[in-house]
Amino acid sequence: MGALLRAFWGMLPISAIALPYALLGWPLLAARRRRRMSGRRASATAAVDCTVFLVAFLVFCLVTMPVGGSAESTLDLVPGADVTAALSSDGSLWQVVGNVLLLGPLGALLPLRIRRLRTLLRIALAALAASVLMEGTQYLIHTGRVTSADDILLNTAGATLGATLSRRGWRTLDAAPPVPVAIPQPRRAICEAPTRTLRVPRSVWDTRYAAIAHPERR
């Protein structure tokens, strides 16, 4: 535990500074969203968004923070090597736990706001891509960390585990479907006027109305 604190002691002041900003942005964002949605949903979505941005910021700071006195990064692409070393007698189990928990909150919260990520496969692929990007960044900027294939696998597993735990609540923040409103139909008239013009046949006109129309023909 002491080695973990010595390695990541810089995250404590960063977290202490970033947390008040997230807590302050929550009610402000919720107040802005109350204009177009209900109060409870506005507050819930604002809380989720602020938490996602806070976790993403802390992960970014953790990835780019230098560790140790060496400025060179180490590349280890053998799957299982780091996990075996961490589980050994002189290893540190906190390294495995930290890699599992690193992307777990994002895997649990992002499906609440992004509908396209509401499958475990898509969450796993997104976490895999994000983990590859983080490990590649660590190796390129030379922060003294170990770029490991096990870290990528553990990060992906942690995000998938977080998505599995929050799977039942993915649709809780969705907008309610619109309620259909019945539109009253116009009342029909009892007697409708004929739409076609009635024409008297020529034969009927000659036999019945010719004498009336022309009295001189009587």
C-alpha atoms as a PDB file:
ATOM      1  CA  MET A   1       0.000   0.000   0.000  1.00  0.00           C
ATOM      2  CA  GLY A   2       2.894   2.348   0.737  1.00  0.00           C
ATOM      3  CA  ALA A   3       4.407   1.726  -2.681  1.00  0.00           C
ATOM      4  CA  LEU A   4       1.053   2.507  -4.277  1.00  0.00           C
ATOM      5  CA  LEU A   5       0.789   5.814  -2.438  1.00  0.00           C
ATOM      6  CA  ARG A   6       4.360   6.751  -3.343  1.00  0.00           C
ATOM      7  CA  ALA A   7       3.681   5.994  -7.004  1.00  0.00           C
ATOM      8  CA  PHE A   8       0.372   7.848  -7.268  1.00  0.00           C
ATOM      9  CA  TRP A   9       0.581  10.445  -4.531  1.00  0.00           C
ATOM     10  CA  GLY A  10       0.155  13.187  -7.133  1.00  0.00           C
ATOM     11  CA  MET A  11      -3.427  12.056  -7.831  1.00  0.00           C
ATOM     12  CA  LEU A  12      -4.543  13.113  -4.354  1.00  0.00           C
ATOM     13  CA  PRO A  13      -4.197  16.903  -4.853  1.00  0.00           C
ATOM     14  CA  ILE A  14      -5.510  16.619  -8.426  1.00  0.00           C
ATOM     15  CA  SER A  15      -8.607  14.807  -7.187  1.00  0.00           C
ATOM     16  CA  ALA A  16      -9.075  17.309  -4.380  1.00  0.00           C
ATOM     17  CA  ILE A  17      -9.011  20.165  -6.890  1.00  0.00           C
ATOM     18  CA  ALA A  18     -11.171  18.540  -9.578  1.00  0.00           C
ATOM     19  CA  LEU A  19     -13.920  17.267  -7.259  1.00  0.00           C
ATOM     20  CA  PRO A  20     -15.252  20.725  -6.199  1.00  0.00           C
ATOM     21  CA  TYR A  21     -15.469  21.775  -9.840  1.00  0.00           C
ATOM     22  CA  ALA A  22     -17.534  18.682 -10.630  1.00  0.00           C
ATOM     23  CA  LEU A  23     -19.807  19.316  -7.643  1.00  0.00           C
ATOM     24  CA  LEU A  24     -20.263  22.933  -8.708  1.00  0.00           C
ATOM     25  CA  GLY A  25     -20.976  22.042 -12.327  1.00  0.00           C
ATOM     26  CA  TRP A  26     -23.652  19.529 -11.368  1.00  0.00           C
ATOM     27  CA  PRO A  27     -26.377  21.972 -10.170  1.00  0.00           C
ATOM     28  CA  LEU A  28     -25.506  24.490 -12.870  1.00  0.00           C
ATOM     29  CA  LEU A  29     -25.899  21.906 -15.623  1.00  0.00           C
ATOM     30  CA  ALA A  30     -29.075  20.581 -14.023  1.00  0.00           C
ATOM     31  CA  ALA A  31     -30.587  24.083 -13.867  1.00  0.00           C
ATOM     32  CA  ARG A  32     -29.849  24.597 -17.538  1.00  0.00           C
ATOM     33  CA  ARG A  33     -31.502  21.326 -18.502  1.00  0.00           C
ATOM     34  CA  ARG A  34     -34.670  21.937 -16.484  1.00  0.00           C
ATOM     35  CA  ARG A  35     -35.876  24.179 -19.308  1.00  0.00           C
ATOM     36  CA  ARG A  36     -36.455  21.181 -21.578  1.00  0.00           C
ATOM     37  CA  MET A  37     -36.916  18.182 -19.258  1.00  0.00           C
ATOM     38  CA  SER A  38     -38.266  17.273 -15.834  1.00  0.00           C
ATOM     39  CA  GLY A  39     -36.375  18.270 -12.700  1.00  0.00           C
ATOM     40  CA  ARG A  40     -35.472  14.750 -11.572  1.00  0.00           C
ATOM     41  CA  ARG A  41     -34.228  13.670 -14.991  1.00  0.00           C
ATOM     42  CA  ALA A  42     -32.261  16.905 -15.422  1.00  0.00           C
ATOM     43  CA  SER A  43     -30.516  16.407 -12.087  1.00  0.00           C
ATOM     44  CA  ALA A  44     -29.780  12.722 -12.782  1.00  0.00           C
ATOM     45  CA  THR A  45     -28.358  13.271 -16.260  1.00  0.00           C
ATOM     46  CA  ALA A  46     -26.257  16.186 -15.038  1.00  0.00           C
ATOM     47  CA  ALA A  47     -24.832  14.032 -12.238  1.00  0.00           C
ATOM     48  CA  VAL A  48     -23.926  11.250 -14.655  1.00  0.00           C
ATOM     49  CA  ASP A  49     -22.294  13.631 -17.131  1.00  0.00           C
ATOM     50  CA  CYS A  50     -20.242  15.397 -14.448  1.00  0.00           C
ATOM     51  CA  THR A  51     -19.102  12.058 -13.034  1.00  0.00           C
ATOM     52  CA  VAL A  52     -18.067  10.820 -16.480  1.00  0.00           C
ATOM     53  CA  PHE A  53     -16.032  13.959 -17.166  1.00  0.00           C
ATOM     54  CA  LEU A  54     -14.446  13.810 -13.718  1.00  0.00           C
ATOM     55  CA  VAL A  55     -13.417  10.166 -14.115  1.00  0.00           C
ATOM     56  CA  ALA A  56     -12.128  10.766 -17.648  1.00  0.00           C
ATOM     57  CA  PHE A  57     -10.056  13.723 -16.431  1.00  0.00           C
ATOM     58  CA  LEU A  58      -8.565  11.716 -13.564  1.00  0.00           C
ATOM     59  CA  VAL A  59      -7.744   8.821 -15.900  1.00  0.00           C
ATOM     60  CA  PHE A  60      -6.018  11.217 -18.277  1.00  0.00           C
ATOM     61  CA  CYS A  61      -3.962  12.690 -15.443  1.00  0.00           C
ATOM     62  CA  LEU A  62      -3.099   9.222 -14.160  1.00  0.00           C
ATOM     63  CA  VAL A  63      -1.954   8.045 -17.577  1.00  0.00           C
ATOM     64  CA  THR A  64       0.264  11.064 -18.229  1.00  0.00           C
ATOM     65  CA  MET A  65       1.744  11.327 -14.728  1.00  0.00           C
ATOM     66  CA  PRO A  66       5.429  10.293 -14.518  1.00  0.00           C
ATOM     67  CA  VAL A  67       6.265   7.424 -12.176  1.00  0.00           C
ATOM     68  CA  GLY A  68       9.652   6.671 -10.668  1.00  0.00           C
ATOM     69  CA  GLY A  69      12.985   8.204 -11.463  1.00  0.00           C
ATOM     70  CA  SER A  70      13.348   6.695 -14.927  1.00  0.00           C
ATOM     71  CA  ALA A  71      12.078   8.603 -17.937  1.00  0.00           C
ATOM     72  CA  GLU A  72      12.058   5.563 -20.234  1.00  0.00           C
ATOM     73  CA  SER A  73       8.969   3.432 -20.774  1.00  0.00           C
ATOM     74  CA  THR A  74       9.023  -0.352 -20.812  1.00  0.00           C
ATOM     75  CA  LEU A  75       7.150  -2.457 -23.347  1.00  0.00           C
ATOM     76  CA  ASP A  76       5.794  -5.865 -22.330  1.00  0.00           C
ATOM     77  CA  LEU A  77       3.532  -7.575 -24.865  1.00  0.00           C
ATOM     78  CA  VAL A  78       3.485 -11.051 -23.302  1.00  0.00           C
ATOM     79  CA  PRO A  79      -0.049 -11.743 -21.987  1.00  0.00           C
ATOM     80  CA  GLY A  80      -0.116 -12.916 -18.398  1.00  0.00           C
ATOM     81  CA  ALA A  81       3.410 -11.860 -17.446  1.00  0.00           C
ATOM     82  CA  ASP A  82       2.421  -8.810 -15.408  1.00  0.00           C
ATOM     83  CA  VAL A  83      -0.497 -10.584 -13.724  1.00  0.00           C
ATOM     84  CA  THR A  84       1.751 -13.484 -12.719  1.00  0.00           C
ATOM     85  CA  ALA A  85       4.340 -11.096 -11.329  1.00  0.00           C
ATOM     86  CA  ALA A  86       1.684  -9.116  -9.444  1.00  0.00           C
ATOM     87  CA  LEU A  87       0.222 -12.248  -7.873  1.00  0.00           C
ATOM     88  CA  SER A  88       3.601 -13.549  -6.763  1.00  0.00           C
ATOM     89  CA  SER A  89       4.867 -13.223  -3.218  1.00  0.00           C
ATOM     90  CA  ASP A  90       6.886 -10.081  -3.915  1.00  0.00           C
ATOM     91  CA  GLY A  91       4.338  -8.580  -6.305  1.00  0.00           C
ATOM     92  CA  SER A  92       1.576  -6.055  -5.731  1.00  0.00           C
ATOM     93  CA  LEU A  93      -2.051  -7.092  -6.041  1.00  0.00           C
ATOM     94  CA  TRP A  94      -3.081  -3.429  -6.092  1.00  0.00           C
ATOM     95  CA  GLN A  95      -1.745  -3.129  -9.616  1.00  0.00           C
ATOM     96  CA  VAL A  96      -4.232  -5.708 -10.883  1.00  0.00           C
ATOM     97  CA  VAL A  97      -7.097  -4.196  -8.885  1.00  0.00           C
ATOM     98  CA  GLY A  98      -6.250  -0.687 -10.083  1.00  0.00           C
ATOM     99  CA  ASN A  99      -6.228  -1.717 -13.738  1.00  0.00           C
ATOM    100  CA  VAL A 100      -9.583  -3.434 -13.338  1.00  0.00           C
ATOM    101  CA  LEU A 101     -11.135  -0.387 -11.657  1.00  0.00           C
ATOM    102  CA  LEU A 102      -9.583   2.174 -14.002  1.00  0.00           C
ATOM    103  CA  LEU A 103     -12.271   2.058 -16.704  1.00  0.00           C
ATOM    104  CA  GLY A 104     -14.978   0.403 -14.599  1.00  0.00           C
ATOM    105  CA  PRO A 105     -16.875   3.631 -13.793  1.00  0.00           C
ATOM    106  CA  LEU A 106     -16.873   4.695 -17.438  1.00  0.00           C
ATOM    107  CA  GLY A 107     -18.145   1.292 -18.519  1.00  0.00           C
ATOM    108  CA  ALA A 108     -20.977   1.569 -15.995  1.00  0.00           C
ATOM    109  CA  LEU A 109     -21.993   5.177 -16.742  1.00  0.00           C
ATOM    110  CA  LEU A 110     -21.518   5.676 -20.484  1.00  0.00           C
ATOM    111  CA  PRO A 111     -24.374   3.325 -21.532  1.00  0.00           C
ATOM    112  CA  LEU A 112     -26.739   5.490 -19.480  1.00  0.00           C
ATOM    113  CA  ARG A 113     -26.123   8.392 -21.848  1.00  0.00           C
ATOM    114  CA  ILE A 114     -25.020   6.779 -25.130  1.00  0.00           C
ATOM    115  CA  ARG A 115     -27.527   4.341 -26.561  1.00  0.00           C
ATOM    116  CA  ARG A 116     -25.136   2.901 -29.114  1.00  0.00           C
ATOM    117  CA  LEU A 117     -22.989   1.496 -26.303  1.00  0.00           C
ATOM    118  CA  ARG A 118     -25.790  -0.526 -24.751  1.00  0.00           C
ATOM    119  CA  THR A 119     -24.301  -3.904 -25.552  1.00  0.00           C
ATOM    120  CA  LEU A 120     -21.487  -5.621 -23.700  1.00  0.00           C
ATOM    121  CA  LEU A 121     -19.629  -6.254 -26.950  1.00  0.00           C
ATOM    122  CA  ARG A 122     -19.581  -2.581 -27.893  1.00  0.00           C
ATOM    123  CA  ILE A 123     -18.508  -1.604 -24.383  1.00  0.00           C
ATOM    124  CA  ALA A 124     -15.666  -4.127 -24.551  1.00  0.00           C
ATOM    125  CA  LEU A 125     -14.533  -2.880 -27.966  1.00  0.00           C
ATOM    126  CA  ALA A 126     -14.674   0.766 -26.854  1.00  0.00           C
ATOM    127  CA  ALA A 127     -12.725  -0.034 -23.680  1.00  0.00           C
ATOM    128  CA  LEU A 128     -10.184  -1.998 -25.692  1.00  0.00           C
ATOM    129  CA  ALA A 129      -9.643   0.929 -28.056  1.00  0.00           C
ATOM    130  CA  ALA A 130      -9.377   3.404 -25.170  1.00  0.00           C
ATOM    131  CA  SER A 131      -6.941   1.174 -23.299  1.00  0.00           C
ATOM    132  CA  VAL A 132      -4.739   0.728 -26.373  1.00  0.00           C
ATOM    133  CA  LEU A 133      -4.712   4.494 -26.809  1.00  0.00           C
ATOM    134  CA  MET A 134      -3.746   5.040 -23.163  1.00  0.00           C
ATOM    135  CA  GLU A 135      -0.985   2.451 -23.182  1.00  0.00           C
ATOM    136  CA  GLY A 136       0.369   3.806 -26.444  1.00  0.00           C
ATOM    137  CA  THR A 137       0.383   7.324 -25.010  1.00  0.00           C
ATOM    138  CA  GLN A 138       2.289   6.128 -21.952  1.00  0.00           C
ATOM    139  CA  TYR A 139       4.912   4.518 -24.138  1.00  0.00           C
ATOM    140  CA  LEU A 140       5.305   7.531 -26.435  1.00  0.00           C
ATOM    141  CA  ILE A 141       5.608  10.236 -23.785  1.00  0.00           C
ATOM    142  CA  HIS A 142       8.042   8.188 -21.659  1.00  0.00           C
ATOM    143  CA  THR A 143       6.519   8.532 -18.191  1.00  0.00           C
ATOM    144  CA  GLY A 144       8.452   5.644 -16.687  1.00  0.00           C
ATOM    145  CA  ARG A 145       5.488   3.269 -16.805  1.00  0.00           C
ATOM    146  CA  VAL A 146       5.246  -0.256 -18.185  1.00  0.00           C
ATOM    147  CA  THR A 147       3.167  -0.550 -21.342  1.00  0.00           C
ATOM    148  CA  SER A 148       1.710  -4.000 -20.939  1.00  0.00           C
ATOM    149  CA  ALA A 149      -0.738  -6.218 -22.761  1.00  0.00           C
ATOM    150  CA  ASP A 150      -2.125  -7.306 -19.392  1.00  0.00           C
ATOM    151  CA  ASP A 151      -3.075  -3.724 -18.580  1.00  0.00           C
ATOM    152  CA  ILE A 152      -5.142  -3.554 -21.768  1.00  0.00           C
ATOM    153  CA  LEU A 153      -6.913  -6.822 -20.956  1.00  0.00           C
ATOM    154  CA  LEU A 154      -7.577  -5.803 -17.341  1.00  0.00           C
ATOM    155  CA  ASN A 155      -8.910  -2.382 -18.352  1.00  0.00           C
ATOM    156  CA  THR A 156     -11.238  -3.978 -20.887  1.00  0.00           C
ATOM    157  CA  ALA A 157     -12.430  -6.539 -18.350  1.00  0.00           C
ATOM    158  CA  GLY A 158     -13.069  -3.808 -15.784  1.00  0.00           C
ATOM    159  CA  ALA A 159     -15.162  -1.723 -18.181  1.00  0.00           C
ATOM    160  CA  THR A 160     -17.168  -4.784 -19.222  1.00  0.00           C
ATOM    161  CA  LEU A 161     -17.719  -5.705 -15.568  1.00  0.00           C
ATOM    162  CA  GLY A 162     -18.942  -2.191 -14.792  1.00  0.00           C
ATOM    163  CA  ALA A 163     -21.349  -2.310 -17.747  1.00  0.00           C
ATOM    164  CA  THR A 164     -22.649  -5.682 -16.580  1.00  0.00           C
ATOM    165  CA  LEU A 165     -23.366  -4.359 -13.094  1.00  0.00           C
ATOM    166  CA  SER A 166     -25.312  -1.343 -14.410  1.00  0.00           C
ATOM    167  CA  ARG A 167     -27.059  -3.165 -17.248  1.00  0.00           C
ATOM    168  CA  ARG A 168     -30.511  -3.154 -15.638  1.00  0.00           C
ATOM    169  CA  GLY A 169     -30.494   0.629 -15.261  1.00  0.00           C
ATOM    170  CA  TRP A 170     -29.369   1.614 -18.742  1.00  0.00           C
ATOM    171  CA  ARG A 171     -32.810   2.929 -19.713  1.00  0.00           C
ATOM    172  CA  THR A 172     -33.650   4.740 -16.483  1.00  0.00           C
ATOM    173  CA  LEU A 173     -32.554   8.130 -17.805  1.00  0.00           C
ATOM    174  CA  ASP A 174     -34.217   7.858 -21.204  1.00  0.00           C
ATOM    175  CA  ALA A 175     -36.906  10.342 -22.076  1.00  0.00           C
ATOM    176  CA  ALA A 176     -40.447   9.068 -21.670  1.00  0.00           C
ATOM    177  CA  PRO A 177     -42.179   8.254 -24.971  1.00  0.00           C
ATOM    178  CA  PRO A 178     -44.685  10.857 -26.102  1.00  0.00           C
ATOM    179  CA  VAL A 179     -48.266  10.214 -25.012  1.00  0.00           C
ATOM    180  CA  PRO A 180     -50.577   9.937 -28.018  1.00  0.00           C
ATOM    181  CA  VAL A 181     -53.285  12.589 -28.029  1.00  0.00           C
ATOM    182  CA  ALA A 182     -56.643  11.673 -29.491  1.00  0.00           C
ATOM    183  CA  ILE A 183     -57.728  14.211 -32.115  1.00  0.00           C
ATOM    184  CA  PRO A 184     -61.547  14.513 -32.292  1.00  0.00           C
ATOM    185  CA  GLN A 185     -62.924  13.823 -35.720  1.00  0.00           C
ATOM    186  CA  PRO A 186     -65.275  16.422 -37.252  1.00  0.00           C
ATOM    187  CA  ARG A 187     -68.930  15.513 -36.967  1.00  0.00           C
ATOM    188  CA  ARG A 188     -70.591  14.565 -40.190  1.00  0.00           C
ATOM    189  CA  ALA A 189     -73.731  16.348 -41.348  1.00  0.00           C
ATOM    190  CA  ILE A 190     -76.917  14.330 -41.330  1.00  0.00           C
ATOM    191  CA  CYS A 191     -77.812  15.312 -44.883  1.00  0.00           C
ATOM    192  CA  GLU A 192     -75.036  15.914 -47.321  1.00  0.00           C
ATOM    193  CA  ALA A 193     -75.592  17.912 -50.458  1.00  0.00           C
ATOM    194  CA  PRO A 194     -75.156  15.955 -53.684  1.00  0.00           C
ATOM    195  CA  THR A 195     -71.821  16.490 -55.290  1.00  0.00           C
ATOM    196  CA  ARG A 196     -72.956  15.646 -58.827  1.00  0.00           C
ATOM    197  CA  THR A 197     -75.281  17.758 -60.959  1.00  0.00           C
ATOM    198  CA  LEU A 198     -78.533  16.009 -61.808  1.00  0.00           C
ATOM    199  CA  ARG A 199     -79.445  16.125 -65.476  1.00  0.00           C
ATOM    200  CA  VAL A 200     -82.914  15.390 -66.856  1.00  0.00           C
ATOM    201  CA  PRO A 201     -82.818  12.896 -69.749  1.00  0.00           C
ATOM    202  CA  ARG A 202     -83.763  14.231 -73.148  1.00  0.00           C
ATOM    203  CA  SER A 203     -86.704  11.838 -73.509  1.00  0.00           C
ATOM    204  CA  VAL A 204     -88.259  12.894 -70.201  1.00  0.00           C
ATOM    205  CA  TRP A 205     -87.829  16.554 -71.094  1.00  0.00           C
ATOM    206  CA  ASP A 206     -89.541  16.135 -74.425  1.00  0.00           C
ATOM    207  CA  THR A 207     -92.529  14.280 -73.025  1.00  0.00           C
ATOM    208  CA  ARG A 208     -93.170  16.154 -69.805  1.00  0.00           C
ATOM    209  CA  TYR A 209     -91.675  19.614 -69.863  1.00  0.00           C
ATOM    210  CA  ALA A 210     -91.668  20.622 -73.495  1.00  0.00           C
ATOM    211  CA  ALA A 211     -95.249  21.886 -73.388  1.00  0.00           C
ATOM    212  CA  ILE A 212     -94.578  23.866 -70.212  1.00  0.00           C
ATOM    213  CA  ALA A 213     -91.406  25.410 -71.552  1.00  0.00           C
ATOM    214  CA  HIS A 214     -93.075  26.285 -74.876  1.00  0.00           C
ATOM    215  CA  PRO A 215     -96.785  27.055 -74.422  1.00  0.00           C
ATOM    216  CA  GLU A 216     -97.231  27.689 -78.167  1.00  0.00           C
ATOM    217  CA  ARG A 217     -96.613  24.001 -78.814  1.00  0.00           C
ATOM    218  CA  ARG A 218     -99.780  22.897 -77.033  1.00  0.00           C
END
